[in-house]
Amino acid sequence: MNKILVCLKRVVDYNVRIRVKPDGSGVVTDGVKMSINPFDEIALEEALRLKEAGNAEEVIVATIGPDDCQQQLRTGLAMGADRAILVESGDEIDPLAAARTFLALIEKEAPELVVLGKQAIDDDCNQTGQMLAALWGRPQATFASKFELTGDTARVTREVDAGLETIEVDLPAVLTTDLRLNEPRYVKLPDIMKAKKKPLETIGISELLSDLEMQIKASNWAAPGQRAKGVLVNSVDELVAALKDKGLAA
């Protein structure tokens, strides 16, 4: 194949303890470490392995967000991507708007495979990949834990509630990645230095979408409630009695 497009999202690093702003308008990000969404990092690793195996000529990383997202794109370039595209937007982007934006990039770049994480760890929506495939009118293979390419066909093992499911899809297609697909590589300092010389294109989101409108908007943020202390019981009868006291059993 000629090109693989990998869609990334900038999120608060998974090791950071999330804190809600006092006014409930969002989460605290000032001075907080930001990273590539872990599922998207797996997506990039799979794309790079496909290229290294001779199955692709170019890997492109793209993201939507403010200018600060260049840091995550540079990380993607340091991992091995050939070039990067930043679709600049100062607004929060919902899954449908993200899918429409990536569709515009697909029409511009014409990749044979689009890979992204199954979900982002900040909103856990798990919608962008599916919406993108529907808008593009191409097959989708979600929750991938194994990927095999044969010509213009991909054989994908999916993690589903009942276990594992194997499907075949014709390319071009959309692939969303699960945790067990691979282990992303460690970025070394020489690769970080080389990434500074790789091309990074910036496009205003209005250049791709003239009618951008958010369908979902968060109106308030709140920290999870404190869990109640557990109760130890010594018998089934005590358990039933405790459930009855809480109105959870008749």
Protein backbone atom coordinates (compact mmCIF):
# COMPACT_ATOMS: atom_id res chain seq x y z
CA MET A 1 0.00 0.00 0.00
CA ASN A 2 1.05 3.59 -0.53
CA LYS A 3 0.03 5.43 2.65
CA ILE A 4 -1.18 4.70 6.17
CA LEU A 5 -2.86 7.52 8.09
CA VAL A 6 -2.64 7.29 11.88
CA CYS A 7 -4.97 9.52 13.90
CA LEU A 8 -3.62 10.65 17.28
CA LYS A 9 -5.15 12.50 20.21
CA ARG A 10 -3.36 14.58 22.84
CA VAL A 11 -4.48 13.59 26.35
CA VAL A 12 -3.34 14.01 29.94
CA ASP A 13 -0.71 11.33 30.57
CA TYR A 14 -2.19 8.17 32.05
CA ASN A 15 0.19 8.36 35.04
CA VAL A 16 -1.12 11.79 36.08
CA ARG A 17 -3.77 12.10 38.78
CA ILE A 18 -6.67 14.01 37.23
CA ARG A 19 -7.96 17.07 39.13
CA VAL A 20 -11.17 18.94 38.31
CA LYS A 21 -11.05 22.75 38.25
CA PRO A 22 -12.79 24.39 41.23
CA ASP A 23 -15.45 25.95 38.97
CA GLY A 24 -16.25 22.58 37.32
CA SER A 25 -15.37 23.89 33.84
CA GLY A 26 -12.88 21.13 33.02
CA VAL A 27 -9.80 19.35 34.29
CA VAL A 28 -6.55 21.00 35.35
CA THR A 29 -3.99 20.89 32.50
CA ASP A 30 -1.61 23.72 33.44
CA GLY A 31 1.79 22.21 34.21
CA VAL A 32 0.43 18.71 33.61
CA LYS A 33 2.25 16.19 31.43
CA MET A 34 0.44 15.53 28.14
CA SER A 35 1.01 12.47 25.96
CA ILE A 36 -0.27 10.57 22.95
CA ASN A 37 -3.41 8.63 23.82
CA PRO A 38 -2.06 5.12 24.68
CA PHE A 39 -4.42 3.34 22.26
CA ASP A 40 -3.31 5.70 19.46
CA GLU A 41 0.33 4.96 20.30
CA ILE A 42 -0.44 1.28 19.71
CA ALA A 43 -2.06 2.25 16.39
CA LEU A 44 1.09 4.09 15.33
CA GLU A 45 3.30 1.17 16.34
CA GLU A 46 1.23 -1.20 14.18
CA ALA A 47 1.46 1.16 11.20
CA LEU A 48 5.23 1.42 11.60
CA ARG A 49 5.57 -2.37 11.74
CA LEU A 50 3.58 -2.66 8.53
CA LYS A 51 5.92 -0.19 6.85
CA GLU A 52 9.02 -1.95 8.17
CA ALA A 53 7.67 -5.24 6.78
CA GLY A 54 7.48 -3.63 3.35
CA ASN A 55 3.69 -3.36 3.29
CA ALA A 56 3.54 0.46 3.19
CA GLU A 57 5.61 3.27 1.74
CA GLU A 58 4.63 6.13 4.06
CA VAL A 59 3.14 6.60 7.54
CA ILE A 60 1.42 9.91 8.27
CA VAL A 61 0.38 11.00 11.77
CA ALA A 62 -2.41 13.56 12.20
CA THR A 63 -4.17 15.18 15.12
CA ILE A 64 -6.74 17.90 15.83
CA GLY A 65 -6.12 20.52 18.48
CA PRO A 66 -4.14 23.60 19.51
CA ASP A 67 -0.55 24.39 18.53
CA ASP A 68 0.67 22.53 21.66
CA CYS A 69 -0.25 19.25 19.91
CA GLN A 70 2.93 19.61 17.86
CA GLN A 71 4.74 18.00 20.79
CA GLN A 72 2.77 14.76 20.41
CA LEU A 73 3.16 14.82 16.64
CA ARG A 74 6.93 15.19 17.06
CA THR A 75 6.84 12.15 19.34
CA GLY A 76 5.03 10.27 16.56
CA LEU A 77 7.71 11.38 14.10
CA ALA A 78 10.41 10.26 16.53
CA MET A 79 8.78 6.83 16.71
CA GLY A 80 9.20 6.57 12.95
CA ALA A 81 6.36 8.32 11.13
CA ASP A 82 7.40 10.07 7.91
CA ARG A 83 5.42 13.29 8.27
CA ALA A 84 2.77 14.90 10.43
CA ILE A 85 -0.35 17.01 9.98
CA LEU A 86 -1.81 19.28 12.67
CA VAL A 87 -5.39 20.37 12.10
CA GLU A 88 -5.39 23.44 14.30
CA SER A 89 -8.47 24.09 16.44
CA GLY A 90 -8.90 25.92 19.72
CA ASP A 91 -12.23 24.25 20.51
CA GLU A 92 -13.01 20.89 22.06
CA ILE A 93 -13.81 18.46 19.24
CA ASP A 94 -16.55 15.84 19.62
CA PRO A 95 -16.26 12.39 17.93
CA LEU A 96 -18.42 13.29 14.91
CA ALA A 97 -16.48 16.49 14.22
CA ALA A 98 -13.22 14.53 14.57
CA ALA A 99 -14.48 11.88 12.13
CA ARG A 100 -15.54 14.53 9.59
CA THR A 101 -12.16 16.24 9.91
CA PHE A 102 -10.23 13.01 9.41
CA LEU A 103 -12.47 12.22 6.43
CA ALA A 104 -11.37 15.51 4.85
CA LEU A 105 -7.75 14.48 5.41
CA ILE A 106 -8.47 11.09 3.82
CA GLU A 107 -9.86 12.83 0.74
CA LYS A 108 -6.70 14.94 0.62
CA GLU A 109 -4.13 12.20 1.26
CA ALA A 110 -5.90 9.06 -0.13
CA PRO A 111 -4.47 6.48 2.33
CA GLU A 112 -5.19 2.75 1.92
CA LEU A 113 -5.45 2.22 5.70
CA VAL A 114 -6.52 4.50 8.54
CA VAL A 115 -5.52 3.39 12.04
CA LEU A 116 -6.52 4.88 15.38
CA GLY A 117 -7.00 3.75 18.95
CA LYS A 118 -10.32 2.19 19.89
CA GLN A 119 -10.96 5.06 22.34
CA ALA A 120 -9.32 8.00 24.07
CA ILE A 121 -8.60 7.75 27.79
CA ASP A 122 -10.01 11.22 28.50
CA ASP A 123 -13.61 10.86 27.24
CA ASP A 124 -13.74 7.06 26.57
CA CYS A 125 -16.23 7.71 23.74
CA ASN A 126 -15.13 4.85 21.44
CA GLN A 127 -16.97 6.45 18.51
CA THR A 128 -14.57 8.21 16.15
CA GLY A 129 -13.31 5.15 14.27
CA GLN A 130 -16.78 3.76 13.66
CA MET A 131 -18.14 7.14 12.54
CA LEU A 132 -15.17 7.66 10.23
CA ALA A 133 -15.71 4.30 8.53
CA ALA A 134 -19.41 5.05 8.04
CA LEU A 135 -18.74 8.51 6.57
CA TRP A 136 -15.98 7.14 4.34
CA GLY A 137 -18.16 4.26 3.20
CA ARG A 138 -15.39 1.73 3.84
CA PRO A 139 -15.12 -1.43 6.03
CA GLN A 140 -14.10 -1.19 9.67
CA ALA A 141 -12.29 -3.60 12.00
CA THR A 142 -12.52 -2.44 15.60
CA PHE A 143 -10.86 -3.61 18.86
CA ALA A 144 -8.03 -5.31 16.94
CA SER A 145 -5.66 -7.54 18.92
CA LYS A 146 -4.04 -9.08 15.82
CA PHE A 147 -3.61 -7.77 12.28
CA GLU A 148 -2.46 -9.67 9.19
CA LEU A 149 -2.21 -8.17 5.71
CA THR A 150 -2.55 -10.19 2.50
CA GLY A 151 -2.59 -8.06 -0.62
CA ASP A 152 -5.66 -5.85 -0.52
CA THR A 153 -7.27 -7.82 2.31
CA ALA A 154 -6.72 -7.56 6.06
CA ARG A 155 -7.42 -10.38 8.50
CA VAL A 156 -8.19 -8.94 11.93
CA THR A 157 -8.71 -10.66 15.28
CA ARG A 158 -11.09 -8.58 17.41
CA GLU A 159 -11.57 -8.62 21.17
CA VAL A 160 -15.31 -8.85 21.84
CA ASP A 161 -17.40 -9.58 24.92
CA ALA A 162 -17.69 -13.29 24.06
CA GLY A 163 -13.95 -13.73 23.42
CA LEU A 164 -12.16 -13.36 20.09
CA GLU A 165 -13.64 -12.84 16.63
CA THR A 166 -11.71 -13.02 13.34
CA ILE A 167 -12.91 -11.08 10.30
CA GLU A 168 -11.56 -10.13 6.88
CA VAL A 169 -11.97 -6.67 5.39
CA ASP A 170 -11.06 -5.25 2.00
CA LEU A 171 -8.80 -2.22 1.87
CA PRO A 172 -9.11 0.74 2.10
CA ALA A 173 -10.47 0.32 5.63
CA VAL A 174 -10.49 1.76 9.15
CA LEU A 175 -8.73 -0.16 11.93
CA THR A 176 -9.08 0.62 15.64
CA THR A 177 -6.56 -0.94 18.01
CA ASP A 178 -6.88 -2.64 21.38
CA LEU A 179 -4.26 -2.97 24.12
CA ARG A 180 -2.97 -6.44 23.25
CA LEU A 181 -2.15 -5.69 19.60
CA ASN A 182 1.48 -4.73 20.29
CA GLU A 183 3.91 -2.99 22.65
CA PRO A 184 4.89 0.50 21.39
CA ARG A 185 8.60 1.11 20.95
CA TYR A 186 10.70 3.32 23.20
CA VAL A 187 11.71 6.63 21.62
CA LYS A 188 15.47 7.23 21.72
CA LEU A 189 17.21 10.61 21.82
CA PRO A 190 18.73 10.37 18.29
CA ASP A 191 15.25 9.70 16.91
CA ILE A 192 13.90 12.76 18.74
CA MET A 193 16.62 14.89 17.13
CA LYS A 194 15.87 13.46 13.67
CA ALA A 195 12.16 14.15 14.15
CA LYS A 196 12.82 17.89 14.32
CA LYS A 197 13.77 17.83 10.63
CA LYS A 198 10.73 15.88 9.45
CA PRO A 199 7.85 17.81 7.84
CA LEU A 200 4.96 18.95 10.03
CA GLU A 201 2.11 20.65 8.18
CA THR A 202 -0.41 22.89 9.94
CA ILE A 203 -3.93 23.32 8.54
CA GLY A 204 -6.71 25.40 10.04
CA ILE A 205 -9.78 23.28 10.72
CA SER A 206 -11.91 25.82 8.83
CA GLU A 207 -9.91 24.99 5.69
CA LEU A 208 -11.18 21.42 5.89
CA LEU A 209 -14.67 21.98 7.33
CA SER A 210 -16.61 25.14 6.58
CA ASP A 211 -19.69 24.02 8.55
CA LEU A 212 -18.11 22.71 11.74
CA GLU A 213 -20.69 22.29 14.49
CA MET A 214 -20.38 20.33 17.72
CA GLN A 215 -23.15 17.86 18.49
CA ILE A 216 -21.91 17.14 22.04
CA LYS A 217 -20.60 19.61 24.58
CA ALA A 218 -19.70 19.00 28.22
CA SER A 219 -21.46 21.51 30.46
CA ASN A 220 -20.02 20.51 33.84
CA TRP A 221 -17.23 18.40 35.26
CA ALA A 222 -17.12 16.74 38.68
CA ALA A 223 -14.77 14.39 40.49
CA PRO A 224 -16.08 10.86 41.21
CA GLY A 225 -17.89 10.50 44.50
CA GLN A 226 -16.01 8.93 47.38
CA ARG A 227 -16.64 5.21 47.69
CA ALA A 228 -18.44 4.00 50.77
CA LYS A 229 -16.49 1.81 53.14
CA GLY A 230 -16.99 -1.90 52.58
CA VAL A 231 -18.76 -4.13 55.09
CA LEU A 232 -17.52 -7.59 56.08
CA VAL A 233 -20.10 -10.31 56.69
CA ASN A 234 -19.56 -13.76 58.16
CA SER A 235 -22.43 -15.64 56.54
CA VAL A 236 -24.92 -15.62 53.70
CA ASP A 237 -27.67 -14.69 56.13
CA GLU A 238 -25.74 -11.57 57.20
CA LEU A 239 -25.21 -10.66 53.56
CA VAL A 240 -28.92 -10.98 52.77
CA ALA A 241 -29.81 -8.94 55.87
CA ALA A 242 -27.36 -6.20 54.87
CA LEU A 243 -28.80 -6.08 51.35
CA LYS A 244 -32.34 -5.83 52.77
CA ASP A 245 -31.28 -2.97 55.05
CA LYS A 246 -30.09 -1.07 51.96
CA GLY A 247 -33.25 -1.88 50.03
CA LEU A 248 -31.31 -3.97 47.53
CA ALA A 249 -33.10 -7.25 48.30
CA ALA A 250 -36.69 -8.13 49.12
